């Protein structure tokens, strides 16, 4: 399959699937949790508190692994495996772009001083579980 077609399929998964798992490294072991993701092309963003383990884990090891897109339909239910490097972002423009009403359960609003954005820059993206197809690596 051509890279352009793979990229389009991957971007569709990113646009359609906001909930996925984020794995970081804690005490030299994987530590996973569900997160809500937003994307700009292949760069992913997720809101978190400055007081969370994710921030501590990032400072010790910025590597992340994300699974996004699997809907539980079984074989042929495509999803993405994303490896990347995390960084912290607190610029107002990005916070305003990511902010939505669903975050009010965790934050007082977009001006909450504990709100920070994790930015994940992918180093490898693989399109997985396409019925009858091997995993495909997307060239970034």
C-alpha atoms as a PDB file:
ATOM      1  CA  UNK A   1       0.000   0.000   0.000  1.00  0.00           C
ATOM      2  CA  UNK A   2       1.286   3.463  -0.851  1.00  0.00           C
ATOM      3  CA  UNK A   3       2.487   5.654   2.007  1.00  0.00           C
ATOM      4  CA  UNK A   4      -0.010   8.395   1.163  1.00  0.00           C
ATOM      5  CA  UNK A   5      -2.927   5.959   1.512  1.00  0.00           C
ATOM      6  CA  UNK A   6      -1.503   4.633   4.817  1.00  0.00           C
ATOM      7  CA  UNK A   7      -1.180   8.178   6.128  1.00  0.00           C
ATOM      8  CA  UNK A   8      -4.770   8.964   5.181  1.00  0.00           C
ATOM      9  CA  UNK A   9      -6.047   5.837   6.962  1.00  0.00           C
ATOM     10  CA  UNK A  10      -3.981   6.663  10.045  1.00  0.00           C
ATOM     11  CA  UNK A  11      -5.167  10.283  10.103  1.00  0.00           C
ATOM     12  CA  UNK A  12      -8.775   9.092   9.852  1.00  0.00           C
ATOM     13  CA  UNK A  13      -8.222   6.876  12.911  1.00  0.00           C
ATOM     14  CA  UNK A  14      -6.705   9.835  14.767  1.00  0.00           C
ATOM     15  CA  UNK A  15      -9.677  12.043  13.868  1.00  0.00           C
ATOM     16  CA  UNK A  16     -12.301   9.408  14.734  1.00  0.00           C
ATOM     17  CA  UNK A  17     -10.761   8.018  17.935  1.00  0.00           C
ATOM     18  CA  UNK A  18     -10.076  10.287  20.857  1.00  0.00           C
ATOM     19  CA  UNK A  19      -9.733   7.706  23.645  1.00  0.00           C
ATOM     20  CA  UNK A  20      -6.650   5.522  23.821  1.00  0.00           C
ATOM     21  CA  UNK A  21      -3.996   4.220  26.152  1.00  0.00           C
ATOM     22  CA  UNK A  22      -0.844   6.119  27.040  1.00  0.00           C
ATOM     23  CA  UNK A  23       2.023   4.052  28.413  1.00  0.00           C
ATOM     24  CA  UNK A  24       4.968   5.686  30.132  1.00  0.00           C
ATOM     25  CA  UNK A  25       7.826   4.244  32.168  1.00  0.00           C
ATOM     26  CA  UNK A  26       7.505   4.098  35.969  1.00  0.00           C
ATOM     27  CA  UNK A  27      10.210   2.415  38.032  1.00  0.00           C
ATOM     28  CA  UNK A  28      11.611   0.945  34.818  1.00  0.00           C
ATOM     29  CA  UNK A  29       8.273  -0.748  33.972  1.00  0.00           C
ATOM     30  CA  UNK A  30       5.395   0.176  31.640  1.00  0.00           C
ATOM     31  CA  UNK A  31       2.614   2.223  33.230  1.00  0.00           C
ATOM     32  CA  UNK A  32      -0.575   2.588  31.142  1.00  0.00           C
ATOM     33  CA  UNK A  33      -3.723   4.625  31.483  1.00  0.00           C
ATOM     34  CA  UNK A  34      -6.597   5.773  29.284  1.00  0.00           C
ATOM     35  CA  UNK A  35      -6.373   9.317  27.977  1.00  0.00           C
ATOM     36  CA  UNK A  36      -8.267  11.602  25.626  1.00  0.00           C
ATOM     37  CA  UNK A  37      -6.124  12.670  22.685  1.00  0.00           C
ATOM     38  CA  UNK A  38      -6.276  15.540  20.230  1.00  0.00           C
ATOM     39  CA  UNK A  39      -4.115  15.669  17.150  1.00  0.00           C
ATOM     40  CA  UNK A  40      -2.511  18.040  14.688  1.00  0.00           C
ATOM     41  CA  UNK A  41      -1.556  15.684  11.865  1.00  0.00           C
ATOM     42  CA  UNK A  42       0.502  13.026  13.712  1.00  0.00           C
ATOM     43  CA  UNK A  43       1.416  15.100  16.779  1.00  0.00           C
ATOM     44  CA  UNK A  44      -0.808  14.137  19.710  1.00  0.00           C
ATOM     45  CA  UNK A  45      -1.870  16.267  22.671  1.00  0.00           C
ATOM     46  CA  UNK A  46      -3.561  15.344  25.922  1.00  0.00           C
ATOM     47  CA  UNK A  47      -4.470  17.460  28.932  1.00  0.00           C
ATOM     48  CA  UNK A  48      -3.189  16.509  32.365  1.00  0.00           C
ATOM     49  CA  UNK A  49      -2.425  18.000  35.745  1.00  0.00           C
ATOM     50  CA  UNK A  50       1.042  19.202  36.664  1.00  0.00           C
ATOM     51  CA  UNK A  51       0.584  17.108  39.828  1.00  0.00           C
ATOM     52  CA  UNK A  52       0.241  13.705  38.097  1.00  0.00           C
ATOM     53  CA  UNK A  53       2.604  10.766  37.832  1.00  0.00           C
ATOM     54  CA  UNK A  54       2.708  11.297  34.065  1.00  0.00           C
ATOM     55  CA  UNK A  55       4.637  14.530  34.543  1.00  0.00           C
ATOM     56  CA  UNK A  56       7.072  12.893  36.977  1.00  0.00           C
ATOM     57  CA  UNK A  57       7.511   9.924  34.634  1.00  0.00           C
ATOM     58  CA  UNK A  58       8.113  12.184  31.618  1.00  0.00           C
ATOM     59  CA  UNK A  59      10.864  14.043  33.462  1.00  0.00           C
ATOM     60  CA  UNK A  60      12.674  10.738  34.072  1.00  0.00           C
ATOM     61  CA  UNK A  61      11.974   9.175  30.668  1.00  0.00           C
ATOM     62  CA  UNK A  62      10.142  10.991  27.824  1.00  0.00           C
ATOM     63  CA  UNK A  63       9.325   7.801  25.861  1.00  0.00           C
ATOM     64  CA  UNK A  64       5.652   6.994  25.356  1.00  0.00           C
ATOM     65  CA  UNK A  65       3.607   4.295  23.662  1.00  0.00           C
ATOM     66  CA  UNK A  66       0.009   4.933  22.570  1.00  0.00           C
ATOM     67  CA  UNK A  67      -2.711   2.599  21.301  1.00  0.00           C
ATOM     68  CA  UNK A  68      -5.518   4.430  19.571  1.00  0.00           C
ATOM     69  CA  UNK A  69      -8.478   3.432  17.443  1.00  0.00           C
ATOM     70  CA  UNK A  70      -9.464  -0.109  18.371  1.00  0.00           C
ATOM     71  CA  UNK A  71     -13.241  -0.216  18.798  1.00  0.00           C
ATOM     72  CA  UNK A  72     -13.663  -3.855  19.839  1.00  0.00           C
ATOM     73  CA  UNK A  73     -15.047  -5.133  16.550  1.00  0.00           C
ATOM     74  CA  UNK A  74     -12.377  -7.838  16.211  1.00  0.00           C
ATOM     75  CA  UNK A  75     -10.243  -8.737  13.218  1.00  0.00           C
ATOM     76  CA  UNK A  76     -10.170  -5.870  10.769  1.00  0.00           C
ATOM     77  CA  UNK A  77     -10.795  -3.211  13.414  1.00  0.00           C
ATOM     78  CA  UNK A  78      -7.757  -1.097  12.548  1.00  0.00           C
ATOM     79  CA  UNK A  79      -5.851   0.788  15.200  1.00  0.00           C
ATOM     80  CA  UNK A  80      -2.573   2.659  15.595  1.00  0.00           C
ATOM     81  CA  UNK A  81       0.504   1.830  17.634  1.00  0.00           C
ATOM     82  CA  UNK A  82       2.416   5.035  18.207  1.00  0.00           C
ATOM     83  CA  UNK A  83       5.837   5.390  19.780  1.00  0.00           C
ATOM     84  CA  UNK A  84       6.912   8.909  20.604  1.00  0.00           C
ATOM     85  CA  UNK A  85       8.675  11.456  22.730  1.00  0.00           C
ATOM     86  CA  UNK A  86       6.642  13.465  25.243  1.00  0.00           C
ATOM     87  CA  UNK A  87       7.142  17.067  26.224  1.00  0.00           C
ATOM     88  CA  UNK A  88       5.207  19.529  28.381  1.00  0.00           C
ATOM     89  CA  UNK A  89       3.435  22.505  26.821  1.00  0.00           C
ATOM     90  CA  UNK A  90       1.724  25.331  28.667  1.00  0.00           C
ATOM     91  CA  UNK A  91       1.235  27.888  25.902  1.00  0.00           C
ATOM     92  CA  UNK A  92      -2.171  29.555  25.987  1.00  0.00           C
ATOM     93  CA  UNK A  93      -2.953  28.954  22.297  1.00  0.00           C
ATOM     94  CA  UNK A  94      -2.560  25.190  22.632  1.00  0.00           C
ATOM     95  CA  UNK A  95      -4.483  25.024  25.925  1.00  0.00           C
ATOM     96  CA  UNK A  96      -7.356  26.952  24.328  1.00  0.00           C
ATOM     97  CA  UNK A  97      -7.284  24.611  21.316  1.00  0.00           C
ATOM     98  CA  UNK A  98      -7.410  21.458  23.483  1.00  0.00           C
ATOM     99  CA  UNK A  99      -9.830  22.769  26.121  1.00  0.00           C
ATOM    100  CA  UNK A 100     -13.379  21.374  26.063  1.00  0.00           C
ATOM    101  CA  UNK A 101     -16.234  20.938  28.528  1.00  0.00           C
ATOM    102  CA  UNK A 102     -15.279  17.320  29.284  1.00  0.00           C
ATOM    103  CA  UNK A 103     -12.175  18.571  31.093  1.00  0.00           C
ATOM    104  CA  UNK A 104     -14.263  20.392  33.730  1.00  0.00           C
ATOM    105  CA  UNK A 105     -14.334  17.191  35.786  1.00  0.00           C
ATOM    106  CA  UNK A 106     -10.594  17.600  36.362  1.00  0.00           C
ATOM    107  CA  UNK A 107      -9.935  21.328  35.974  1.00  0.00           C
ATOM    108  CA  UNK A 108     -11.607  24.595  36.982  1.00  0.00           C
ATOM    109  CA  UNK A 109     -11.240  25.926  33.448  1.00  0.00           C
ATOM    110  CA  UNK A 110      -8.571  26.629  30.836  1.00  0.00           C
ATOM    111  CA  UNK A 111      -6.867  29.038  33.257  1.00  0.00           C
ATOM    112  CA  UNK A 112      -6.474  26.367  35.965  1.00  0.00           C
ATOM    113  CA  UNK A 113      -2.823  26.660  37.100  1.00  0.00           C
ATOM    114  CA  UNK A 114      -2.458  22.858  37.290  1.00  0.00           C
ATOM    115  CA  UNK A 115      -3.507  22.295  33.667  1.00  0.00           C
ATOM    116  CA  UNK A 116      -0.694  21.353  31.318  1.00  0.00           C
ATOM    117  CA  UNK A 117      -0.595  19.681  27.922  1.00  0.00           C
ATOM    118  CA  UNK A 118       1.442  16.617  27.098  1.00  0.00           C
ATOM    119  CA  UNK A 119       2.649  16.783  23.512  1.00  0.00           C
ATOM    120  CA  UNK A 120       3.680  13.487  21.948  1.00  0.00           C
ATOM    121  CA  UNK A 121       5.844  13.717  18.841  1.00  0.00           C
ATOM    122  CA  UNK A 122       5.747  10.330  17.106  1.00  0.00           C
ATOM    123  CA  UNK A 123       8.945   8.489  16.266  1.00  0.00           C
ATOM    124  CA  UNK A 124       7.095   5.477  14.814  1.00  0.00           C
ATOM    125  CA  UNK A 125       3.497   4.900  13.752  1.00  0.00           C
ATOM    126  CA  UNK A 126       2.149   1.505  12.734  1.00  0.00           C
ATOM    127  CA  UNK A 127      -1.258   0.758  11.255  1.00  0.00           C
ATOM    128  CA  UNK A 128      -2.402  -2.500  12.845  1.00  0.00           C
ATOM    129  CA  UNK A 129      -5.073  -5.211  12.509  1.00  0.00           C
ATOM    130  CA  UNK A 130      -6.269  -4.566   8.993  1.00  0.00           C
ATOM    131  CA  UNK A 131      -7.977  -7.817   8.024  1.00  0.00           C
ATOM    132  CA  UNK A 132      -5.556  -9.988   6.055  1.00  0.00           C
ATOM    133  CA  UNK A 133      -2.789  -7.369   6.122  1.00  0.00           C
ATOM    134  CA  UNK A 134       0.503  -7.244   7.963  1.00  0.00           C
ATOM    135  CA  UNK A 135       1.171  -4.232  10.192  1.00  0.00           C
ATOM    136  CA  UNK A 136       2.292  -1.254   8.112  1.00  0.00           C
ATOM    137  CA  UNK A 137       4.805   1.349   9.281  1.00  0.00           C
ATOM    138  CA  UNK A 138       3.981   4.898   8.270  1.00  0.00           C
ATOM    139  CA  UNK A 139       6.935   6.999   7.207  1.00  0.00           C
ATOM    140  CA  UNK A 140       6.938  10.312   9.023  1.00  0.00           C
END
